[in-house]
C-alpha cells in the first residue's frame, strides 16, 4: 500500500531537481549573454604610463610638481570624474576632463613642501568612467631636506659658513659626553653612520687617527685644529676616553 506513495515522492523529487537544474542553466546562460554584451559594448580604458614616482630629495622651501601621463586606450570617451588628494597640501589637475579614444592626457600633481621635513608619500585618487578600473591611485614619494643639506659638500665644509652653528659652536668648551652630544651625536646616533657601540670596539690608535685626521672616502672630517677642525688634543682625548674607556 505504500508503493504508490513512494513512487509519487520519487517523481516529485526528480521533477524538483530537474527544475532547479534547468533554472541554474537558464540563469548561467543569461549571465554569459550579459557578460558578452558588456564586453562587446564600447567602453573607455584609462591607461597610465606609471602610477608611482619617487622624486628623491627636495628642499623644504620648494613647491614640487610631477606630471603623470595617461591615455584612453578604449573605444568610448573617457571621463575624468574627480581627483581626490589625501592631504591638504597636495593638489591635482587634469589636462582635460574628457579624452576621446586614442587621446592622451595628464594629471599634474603639485605638493607644497614648505616647512616640512622627513619622508612623505602623497596619494591622489583618479575617478573615471572606466568600468573595469574606475579608480586609479597615483603616489608620489618625497624626501624633504632643509636648504643647507640639499647641496653636496666636502666633509671639512662643516667647519665653515652656516654649518659652524651646529657642528662647531655647540661643542665649544665641552669635553667627553657633552662634547660627543654636541659635535658627534647628530651623525653617529643609532642607525646612522658608525654608532657609538661600534666605535667602542675599535683600537684607541684607530680612534685617534679617525678623530684627528678624518676617514678617507667618508663624510668624517679631521676634527683636530691641525686638520682644520675645532678640537685640541685634550678635546680629542676626552672623546677617545668616552668611546673606549680602556684607552
C-alpha atoms as a PDB file:
ATOM      1  CA  UNK A   1       0.000   0.000   0.000  1.00  0.00           C
ATOM      2  CA  UNK A   2       2.974   2.323   0.454  1.00  0.00           C
ATOM      3  CA  UNK A   3       4.463   1.685  -3.006  1.00  0.00           C
ATOM      4  CA  UNK A   4       2.323   4.271  -4.905  1.00  0.00           C
ATOM      5  CA  UNK A   5       3.280   6.922  -2.344  1.00  0.00           C
ATOM      6  CA  UNK A   6       6.968   6.118  -2.679  1.00  0.00           C
ATOM      7  CA  UNK A   7       6.762   6.286  -6.471  1.00  0.00           C
ATOM      8  CA  UNK A   8       4.933   9.606  -6.268  1.00  0.00           C
ATOM      9  CA  UNK A   9       7.563  11.055  -3.913  1.00  0.00           C
ATOM     10  CA  UNK A  10      10.400   9.894  -6.181  1.00  0.00           C
ATOM     11  CA  UNK A  11       8.704  11.540  -9.162  1.00  0.00           C
ATOM     12  CA  UNK A  12       8.274  14.751  -7.162  1.00  0.00           C
ATOM     13  CA  UNK A  13      11.922  14.807  -6.076  1.00  0.00           C
ATOM     14  CA  UNK A  14      13.080  14.139  -9.635  1.00  0.00           C
ATOM     15  CA  UNK A  15      10.842  16.873 -11.016  1.00  0.00           C
ATOM     16  CA  UNK A  16      12.081  19.376  -8.387  1.00  0.00           C
ATOM     17  CA  UNK A  17      15.756  18.531  -9.009  1.00  0.00           C
ATOM     18  CA  UNK A  18      15.220  18.818 -12.768  1.00  0.00           C
ATOM     19  CA  UNK A  19      13.535  22.203 -12.411  1.00  0.00           C
ATOM     20  CA  UNK A  20      16.322  23.556 -10.192  1.00  0.00           C
ATOM     21  CA  UNK A  21      18.972  22.350 -12.625  1.00  0.00           C
ATOM     22  CA  UNK A  22      17.155  23.943 -15.574  1.00  0.00           C
ATOM     23  CA  UNK A  23      16.823  27.237 -13.706  1.00  0.00           C
ATOM     24  CA  UNK A  24      20.539  27.247 -12.963  1.00  0.00           C
ATOM     25  CA  UNK A  25      21.367  26.537 -16.599  1.00  0.00           C
ATOM     26  CA  UNK A  26      19.000  29.280 -17.716  1.00  0.00           C
ATOM     27  CA  UNK A  27      20.495  31.827 -15.297  1.00  0.00           C
ATOM     28  CA  UNK A  28      24.037  30.872 -16.319  1.00  0.00           C
ATOM     29  CA  UNK A  29      23.106  31.367 -19.969  1.00  0.00           C
ATOM     30  CA  UNK A  30      21.613  34.790 -19.201  1.00  0.00           C
ATOM     31  CA  UNK A  31      24.778  35.759 -17.282  1.00  0.00           C
ATOM     32  CA  UNK A  32      27.017  34.706 -20.160  1.00  0.00           C
ATOM     33  CA  UNK A  33      24.889  36.639 -22.637  1.00  0.00           C
ATOM     34  CA  UNK A  34      25.009  39.762 -20.475  1.00  0.00           C
ATOM     35  CA  UNK A  35      28.759  39.405 -19.980  1.00  0.00           C
ATOM     36  CA  UNK A  36      29.258  39.028 -23.721  1.00  0.00           C
ATOM     37  CA  UNK A  37      27.066  42.043 -24.369  1.00  0.00           C
ATOM     38  CA  UNK A  38      29.032  44.166 -21.911  1.00  0.00           C
ATOM     39  CA  UNK A  39      32.379  43.034 -23.325  1.00  0.00           C
ATOM     40  CA  UNK A  40      31.202  43.852 -26.842  1.00  0.00           C
ATOM     41  CA  UNK A  41      29.887  47.282 -25.839  1.00  0.00           C
ATOM     42  CA  UNK A  42      32.066  50.332 -26.412  1.00  0.00           C
ATOM     43  CA  UNK A  43      33.850  51.352 -23.225  1.00  0.00           C
ATOM     44  CA  UNK A  44      36.730  53.601 -22.161  1.00  0.00           C
ATOM     45  CA  UNK A  45      40.016  52.319 -20.731  1.00  0.00           C
ATOM     46  CA  UNK A  46      42.240  54.552 -18.574  1.00  0.00           C
ATOM     47  CA  UNK A  47      45.865  53.513 -19.089  1.00  0.00           C
ATOM     48  CA  UNK A  48      48.544  55.289 -17.029  1.00  0.00           C
ATOM     49  CA  UNK A  49      52.194  55.205 -18.056  1.00  0.00           C
ATOM     50  CA  UNK A  50      53.099  54.982 -14.340  1.00  0.00           C
ATOM     51  CA  UNK A  51      51.263  55.337 -11.048  1.00  0.00           C
ATOM     52  CA  UNK A  52      54.227  55.652  -8.628  1.00  0.00           C
ATOM     53  CA  UNK A  53      57.027  58.213  -8.631  1.00  0.00           C
ATOM     54  CA  UNK A  54      59.924  58.734  -6.193  1.00  0.00           C
ATOM     55  CA  UNK A  55      61.105  62.338  -6.533  1.00  0.00           C
ATOM     56  CA  UNK A  56      64.059  61.815  -4.208  1.00  0.00           C
ATOM     57  CA  UNK A  57      65.305  64.718  -2.096  1.00  0.00           C
ATOM     58  CA  UNK A  58      63.684  68.142  -2.316  1.00  0.00           C
ATOM     59  CA  UNK A  59      64.138  71.335  -0.327  1.00  0.00           C
ATOM     60  CA  UNK A  60      61.765  72.363   2.444  1.00  0.00           C
ATOM     61  CA  UNK A  61      61.393  75.665   0.582  1.00  0.00           C
ATOM     62  CA  UNK A  62      60.012  74.083  -2.586  1.00  0.00           C
ATOM     63  CA  UNK A  63      56.705  73.631  -4.322  1.00  0.00           C
ATOM     64  CA  UNK A  64      57.025  70.259  -6.071  1.00  0.00           C
ATOM     65  CA  UNK A  65      55.247  69.231  -9.258  1.00  0.00           C
ATOM     66  CA  UNK A  66      55.083  65.982 -11.192  1.00  0.00           C
ATOM     67  CA  UNK A  67      53.059  65.070 -14.285  1.00  0.00           C
ATOM     68  CA  UNK A  68      51.509  61.618 -14.684  1.00  0.00           C
ATOM     69  CA  UNK A  69      50.775  60.755 -18.331  1.00  0.00           C
ATOM     70  CA  UNK A  70      47.819  58.587 -19.318  1.00  0.00           C
ATOM     71  CA  UNK A  71      45.717  57.726 -22.353  1.00  0.00           C
ATOM     72  CA  UNK A  72      42.333  56.369 -23.339  1.00  0.00           C
ATOM     73  CA  UNK A  73      43.027  53.006 -24.964  1.00  0.00           C
ATOM     74  CA  UNK A  74      39.325  52.109 -25.124  1.00  0.00           C
ATOM     75  CA  UNK A  75      36.704  52.748 -27.807  1.00  0.00           C
ATOM     76  CA  UNK A  76      34.473  55.214 -25.958  1.00  0.00           C
ATOM     77  CA  UNK A  77      35.077  58.620 -24.364  1.00  0.00           C
ATOM     78  CA  UNK A  78      36.982  58.542 -21.064  1.00  0.00           C
ATOM     79  CA  UNK A  79      35.675  60.969 -18.451  1.00  0.00           C
ATOM     80  CA  UNK A  80      37.792  62.235 -15.552  1.00  0.00           C
ATOM     81  CA  UNK A  81      35.055  62.498 -12.952  1.00  0.00           C
ATOM     82  CA  UNK A  82      37.075  63.784 -10.000  1.00  0.00           C
ATOM     83  CA  UNK A  83      40.545  63.925  -8.426  1.00  0.00           C
ATOM     84  CA  UNK A  84      40.861  63.374  -4.689  1.00  0.00           C
ATOM     85  CA  UNK A  85      44.124  64.172  -2.847  1.00  0.00           C
ATOM     86  CA  UNK A  86      44.753  62.544   0.524  1.00  0.00           C
ATOM     87  CA  UNK A  87      46.206  65.692   2.129  1.00  0.00           C
ATOM     88  CA  UNK A  88      45.529  69.418   2.034  1.00  0.00           C
ATOM     89  CA  UNK A  89      48.978  70.420   0.760  1.00  0.00           C
ATOM     90  CA  UNK A  90      48.552  68.264  -2.362  1.00  0.00           C
ATOM     91  CA  UNK A  91      46.654  69.487  -5.412  1.00  0.00           C
ATOM     92  CA  UNK A  92      45.907  67.672  -8.670  1.00  0.00           C
ATOM     93  CA  UNK A  93      44.651  68.942 -12.023  1.00  0.00           C
ATOM     94  CA  UNK A  94      43.721  67.054 -15.183  1.00  0.00           C
ATOM     95  CA  UNK A  95      44.729  68.379 -18.596  1.00  0.00           C
ATOM     96  CA  UNK A  96      41.205  67.587 -19.807  1.00  0.00           C
ATOM     97  CA  UNK A  97      38.002  66.207 -18.348  1.00  0.00           C
ATOM     98  CA  UNK A  98      37.273  64.102 -21.447  1.00  0.00           C
ATOM     99  CA  UNK A  99      39.553  62.020 -23.659  1.00  0.00           C
ATOM    100  CA  UNK A 100      38.332  60.520 -26.900  1.00  0.00           C
ATOM    101  CA  UNK A 101      39.546  57.031 -27.871  1.00  0.00           C
ATOM    102  CA  UNK A 102      43.283  57.116 -28.545  1.00  0.00           C
ATOM    103  CA  UNK A 103      43.810  60.552 -26.988  1.00  0.00           C
ATOM    104  CA  UNK A 104      46.443  61.287 -24.341  1.00  0.00           C
ATOM    105  CA  UNK A 105      46.174  63.396 -21.220  1.00  0.00           C
ATOM    106  CA  UNK A 106      47.985  64.158 -17.986  1.00  0.00           C
ATOM    107  CA  UNK A 107      47.434  64.663 -14.275  1.00  0.00           C
ATOM    108  CA  UNK A 108      49.636  67.374 -12.761  1.00  0.00           C
ATOM    109  CA  UNK A 109      50.292  66.860  -9.047  1.00  0.00           C
ATOM    110  CA  UNK A 110      51.516  69.886  -7.063  1.00  0.00           C
ATOM    111  CA  UNK A 111      52.754  69.425  -3.481  1.00  0.00           C
ATOM    112  CA  UNK A 112      53.642  72.236  -1.076  1.00  0.00           C
ATOM    113  CA  UNK A 113      56.669  71.049   0.912  1.00  0.00           C
ATOM    114  CA  UNK A 114      57.424  74.384   2.570  1.00  0.00           C
ATOM    115  CA  UNK A 115      58.110  73.934   6.272  1.00  0.00           C
ATOM    116  CA  UNK A 116      58.084  70.120   6.026  1.00  0.00           C
ATOM    117  CA  UNK A 117      60.875  67.677   6.859  1.00  0.00           C
ATOM    118  CA  UNK A 118      61.153  63.925   6.530  1.00  0.00           C
ATOM    119  CA  UNK A 119      59.902  61.295   4.084  1.00  0.00           C
ATOM    120  CA  UNK A 120      56.389  61.632   2.687  1.00  0.00           C
ATOM    121  CA  UNK A 121      54.156  59.595   0.401  1.00  0.00           C
ATOM    122  CA  UNK A 122      51.342  61.585  -1.192  1.00  0.00           C
ATOM    123  CA  UNK A 123      48.399  59.816  -2.856  1.00  0.00           C
ATOM    124  CA  UNK A 124      45.822  61.025  -5.364  1.00  0.00           C
ATOM    125  CA  UNK A 125      42.764  59.006  -6.402  1.00  0.00           C
ATOM    126  CA  UNK A 126      41.668  59.489 -10.009  1.00  0.00           C
ATOM    127  CA  UNK A 127      37.981  58.638 -10.599  1.00  0.00           C
ATOM    128  CA  UNK A 128      36.941  57.857 -14.179  1.00  0.00           C
ATOM    129  CA  UNK A 129      34.134  56.129 -16.059  1.00  0.00           C
ATOM    130  CA  UNK A 130      36.408  53.180 -16.882  1.00  0.00           C
ATOM    131  CA  UNK A 131      34.101  50.270 -15.917  1.00  0.00           C
ATOM    132  CA  UNK A 132      36.981  47.901 -15.181  1.00  0.00           C
ATOM    133  CA  UNK A 133      39.208  50.288 -13.190  1.00  0.00           C
ATOM    134  CA  UNK A 134      37.031  53.184 -12.031  1.00  0.00           C
ATOM    135  CA  UNK A 135      39.634  54.429  -9.513  1.00  0.00           C
ATOM    136  CA  UNK A 136      43.399  54.704 -10.108  1.00  0.00           C
ATOM    137  CA  UNK A 137      45.640  55.733  -7.219  1.00  0.00           C
ATOM    138  CA  UNK A 138      48.715  57.814  -8.019  1.00  0.00           C
ATOM    139  CA  UNK A 139      51.547  58.003  -5.485  1.00  0.00           C
ATOM    140  CA  UNK A 140      54.431  60.460  -5.097  1.00  0.00           C
ATOM    141  CA  UNK A 141      57.259  59.791  -2.627  1.00  0.00           C
ATOM    142  CA  UNK A 142      59.413  62.698  -1.424  1.00  0.00           C
ATOM    143  CA  UNK A 143      62.330  63.097   0.983  1.00  0.00           C
ATOM    144  CA  UNK A 144      62.273  66.669   2.271  1.00  0.00           C
ATOM    145  CA  UNK A 145      65.508  68.235   3.492  1.00  0.00           C
ATOM    146  CA  UNK A 146      66.351  71.740   4.650  1.00  0.00           C
ATOM    147  CA  UNK A 147      68.003  74.054   2.139  1.00  0.00           C
ATOM    148  CA  UNK A 148      71.507  73.764   3.649  1.00  0.00           C
ATOM    149  CA  UNK A 149      71.654  69.961   3.422  1.00  0.00           C
ATOM    150  CA  UNK A 150      70.351  69.816  -0.144  1.00  0.00           C
ATOM    151  CA  UNK A 151      73.758  70.719  -1.584  1.00  0.00           C
ATOM    152  CA  UNK A 152      76.784  68.433  -1.886  1.00  0.00           C
ATOM    153  CA  UNK A 153      79.632  69.315   0.474  1.00  0.00           C
ATOM    154  CA  UNK A 154      83.116  68.168   1.278  1.00  0.00           C
ATOM    155  CA  UNK A 155      83.401  66.633   4.743  1.00  0.00           C
ATOM    156  CA  UNK A 156      85.504  69.542   6.045  1.00  0.00           C
ATOM    157  CA  UNK A 157      82.888  72.098   4.966  1.00  0.00           C
ATOM    158  CA  UNK A 158      81.019  71.544   8.247  1.00  0.00           C
ATOM    159  CA  UNK A 159      83.639  73.779   9.921  1.00  0.00           C
ATOM    160  CA  UNK A 160      82.734  76.810   7.815  1.00  0.00           C
ATOM    161  CA  UNK A 161      79.842  79.076   6.928  1.00  0.00           C
ATOM    162  CA  UNK A 162      76.339  78.210   8.102  1.00  0.00           C
ATOM    163  CA  UNK A 163      77.458  74.740   9.246  1.00  0.00           C
ATOM    164  CA  UNK A 164      79.513  76.183  12.113  1.00  0.00           C
ATOM    165  CA  UNK A 165      76.391  76.873  14.153  1.00  0.00           C
ATOM    166  CA  UNK A 166      75.598  73.169  14.527  1.00  0.00           C
ATOM    167  CA  UNK A 167      78.948  71.436  14.035  1.00  0.00           C
ATOM    168  CA  UNK A 168      81.340  73.734  15.923  1.00  0.00           C
ATOM    169  CA  UNK A 169      79.704  76.297  18.179  1.00  0.00           C
ATOM    170  CA  UNK A 170      77.650  73.812  20.225  1.00  0.00           C
ATOM    171  CA  UNK A 171      80.762  71.927  21.312  1.00  0.00           C
ATOM    172  CA  UNK A 172      82.974  74.828  22.354  1.00  0.00           C
ATOM    173  CA  UNK A 173      84.386  74.395  25.880  1.00  0.00           C
ATOM    174  CA  UNK A 174      82.939  70.913  26.314  1.00  0.00           C
ATOM    175  CA  UNK A 175      84.599  67.560  26.947  1.00  0.00           C
ATOM    176  CA  UNK A 176      83.676  63.870  26.916  1.00  0.00           C
ATOM    177  CA  UNK A 177      79.979  63.017  26.669  1.00  0.00           C
ATOM    178  CA  UNK A 178      78.875  66.663  26.440  1.00  0.00           C
ATOM    179  CA  UNK A 179      81.252  67.203  23.528  1.00  0.00           C
ATOM    180  CA  UNK A 180      80.124  63.976  21.846  1.00  0.00           C
ATOM    181  CA  UNK A 181      76.458  65.022  22.113  1.00  0.00           C
ATOM    182  CA  UNK A 182      77.226  68.463  20.696  1.00  0.00           C
ATOM    183  CA  UNK A 183      79.587  67.625  17.827  1.00  0.00           C
ATOM    184  CA  UNK A 184      79.267  63.898  17.117  1.00  0.00           C
ATOM    185  CA  UNK A 185      75.848  62.553  18.013  1.00  0.00           C
ATOM    186  CA  UNK A 186      73.991  64.133  15.086  1.00  0.00           C
ATOM    187  CA  UNK A 187      75.918  61.866  12.705  1.00  0.00           C
ATOM    188  CA  UNK A 188      76.799  58.933  14.956  1.00  0.00           C
ATOM    189  CA  UNK A 189      73.436  58.253  16.552  1.00  0.00           C
ATOM    190  CA  UNK A 190      71.839  54.807  16.336  1.00  0.00           C
ATOM    191  CA  UNK A 191      71.438  53.530  12.805  1.00  0.00           C
ATOM    192  CA  UNK A 192      73.195  56.476  11.172  1.00  0.00           C
ATOM    193  CA  UNK A 193      76.864  56.126  10.162  1.00  0.00           C
ATOM    194  CA  UNK A 194      79.122  54.367  12.710  1.00  0.00           C
ATOM    195  CA  UNK A 195      77.371  54.111  16.086  1.00  0.00           C
ATOM    196  CA  UNK A 196      78.989  54.683  19.463  1.00  0.00           C
ATOM    197  CA  UNK A 197      78.766  50.973  20.305  1.00  0.00           C
ATOM    198  CA  UNK A 198      80.562  50.061  17.057  1.00  0.00           C
ATOM    199  CA  UNK A 199      83.273  52.659  17.634  1.00  0.00           C
ATOM    200  CA  UNK A 200      83.881  51.318  21.148  1.00  0.00           C
ATOM    201  CA  UNK A 201      85.257  48.112  19.591  1.00  0.00           C
ATOM    202  CA  UNK A 202      87.994  49.956  17.723  1.00  0.00           C
ATOM    203  CA  UNK A 203      91.560  50.336  18.966  1.00  0.00           C
ATOM    204  CA  UNK A 204      92.464  53.665  20.553  1.00  0.00           C
ATOM    205  CA  UNK A 205      95.075  54.408  17.864  1.00  0.00           C
ATOM    206  CA  UNK A 206      92.457  53.933  15.170  1.00  0.00           C
ATOM    207  CA  UNK A 207      90.047  56.222  17.013  1.00  0.00           C
ATOM    208  CA  UNK A 208      92.744  58.863  17.451  1.00  0.00           C
ATOM    209  CA  UNK A 209      93.572  58.870  13.750  1.00  0.00           C
ATOM    210  CA  UNK A 210      89.915  58.986  12.711  1.00  0.00           C
ATOM    211  CA  UNK A 211      89.028  61.901  15.010  1.00  0.00           C
ATOM    212  CA  UNK A 212      92.248  63.810  14.379  1.00  0.00           C
ATOM    213  CA  UNK A 213      92.695  63.305  10.612  1.00  0.00           C
ATOM    214  CA  UNK A 214      89.283  62.103   9.411  1.00  0.00           C
ATOM    215  CA  UNK A 215      88.393  58.956   7.448  1.00  0.00           C
ATOM    216  CA  UNK A 216      89.092  58.834   3.727  1.00  0.00           C
ATOM    217  CA  UNK A 217      86.143  58.499   1.314  1.00  0.00           C
ATOM    218  CA  UNK A 218      83.584  59.202   4.040  1.00  0.00           C
ATOM    219  CA  UNK A 219      81.817  62.239   5.495  1.00  0.00           C
ATOM    220  CA  UNK A 220      84.070  62.102   8.567  1.00  0.00           C
ATOM    221  CA  UNK A 221      86.476  65.095   8.504  1.00  0.00           C
ATOM    222  CA  UNK A 222      89.514  65.581  10.705  1.00  0.00           C
ATOM    223  CA  UNK A 223      88.389  67.424  13.849  1.00  0.00           C
ATOM    224  CA  UNK A 224      91.881  68.374  15.068  1.00  0.00           C
ATOM    225  CA  UNK A 225      92.936  72.006  14.827  1.00  0.00           C
ATOM    226  CA  UNK A 226      95.795  70.915  12.571  1.00  0.00           C
ATOM    227  CA  UNK A 227      93.267  69.392  10.137  1.00  0.00           C
ATOM    228  CA  UNK A 228      91.122  72.499  10.075  1.00  0.00           C
ATOM    229  CA  UNK A 229      88.760  71.370  12.832  1.00  0.00           C
ATOM    230  CA  UNK A 230      87.863  72.897  16.201  1.00  0.00           C
ATOM    231  CA  UNK A 231      89.294  70.313  18.662  1.00  0.00           C
ATOM    232  CA  UNK A 232      92.617  70.411  20.505  1.00  0.00           C
ATOM    233  CA  UNK A 233      94.464  67.381  21.865  1.00  0.00           C
ATOM    234  CA  UNK A 234      92.616  67.474  25.214  1.00  0.00           C
ATOM    235  CA  UNK A 235      89.232  67.558  23.471  1.00  0.00           C
ATOM    236  CA  UNK A 236      90.129  64.589  21.286  1.00  0.00           C
ATOM    237  CA  UNK A 237      91.488  62.597  24.237  1.00  0.00           C
ATOM    238  CA  UNK A 238      88.242  63.163  26.158  1.00  0.00           C
ATOM    239  CA  UNK A 239      86.292  61.667  23.249  1.00  0.00           C
ATOM    240  CA  UNK A 240      88.591  58.644  22.993  1.00  0.00           C
ATOM    241  CA  UNK A 241      88.277  58.002  26.730  1.00  0.00           C
ATOM    242  CA  UNK A 242      84.475  58.183  26.377  1.00  0.00           C
ATOM    243  CA  UNK A 243      84.331  55.832  23.393  1.00  0.00           C
ATOM    244  CA  UNK A 244      86.996  53.409  24.621  1.00  0.00           C
ATOM    245  CA  UNK A 245      87.497  53.681  28.405  1.00  0.00           C
ATOM    246  CA  UNK A 246      90.450  51.288  28.165  1.00  0.00           C
ATOM    247  CA  UNK A 247      92.457  53.993  26.407  1.00  0.00           C
END
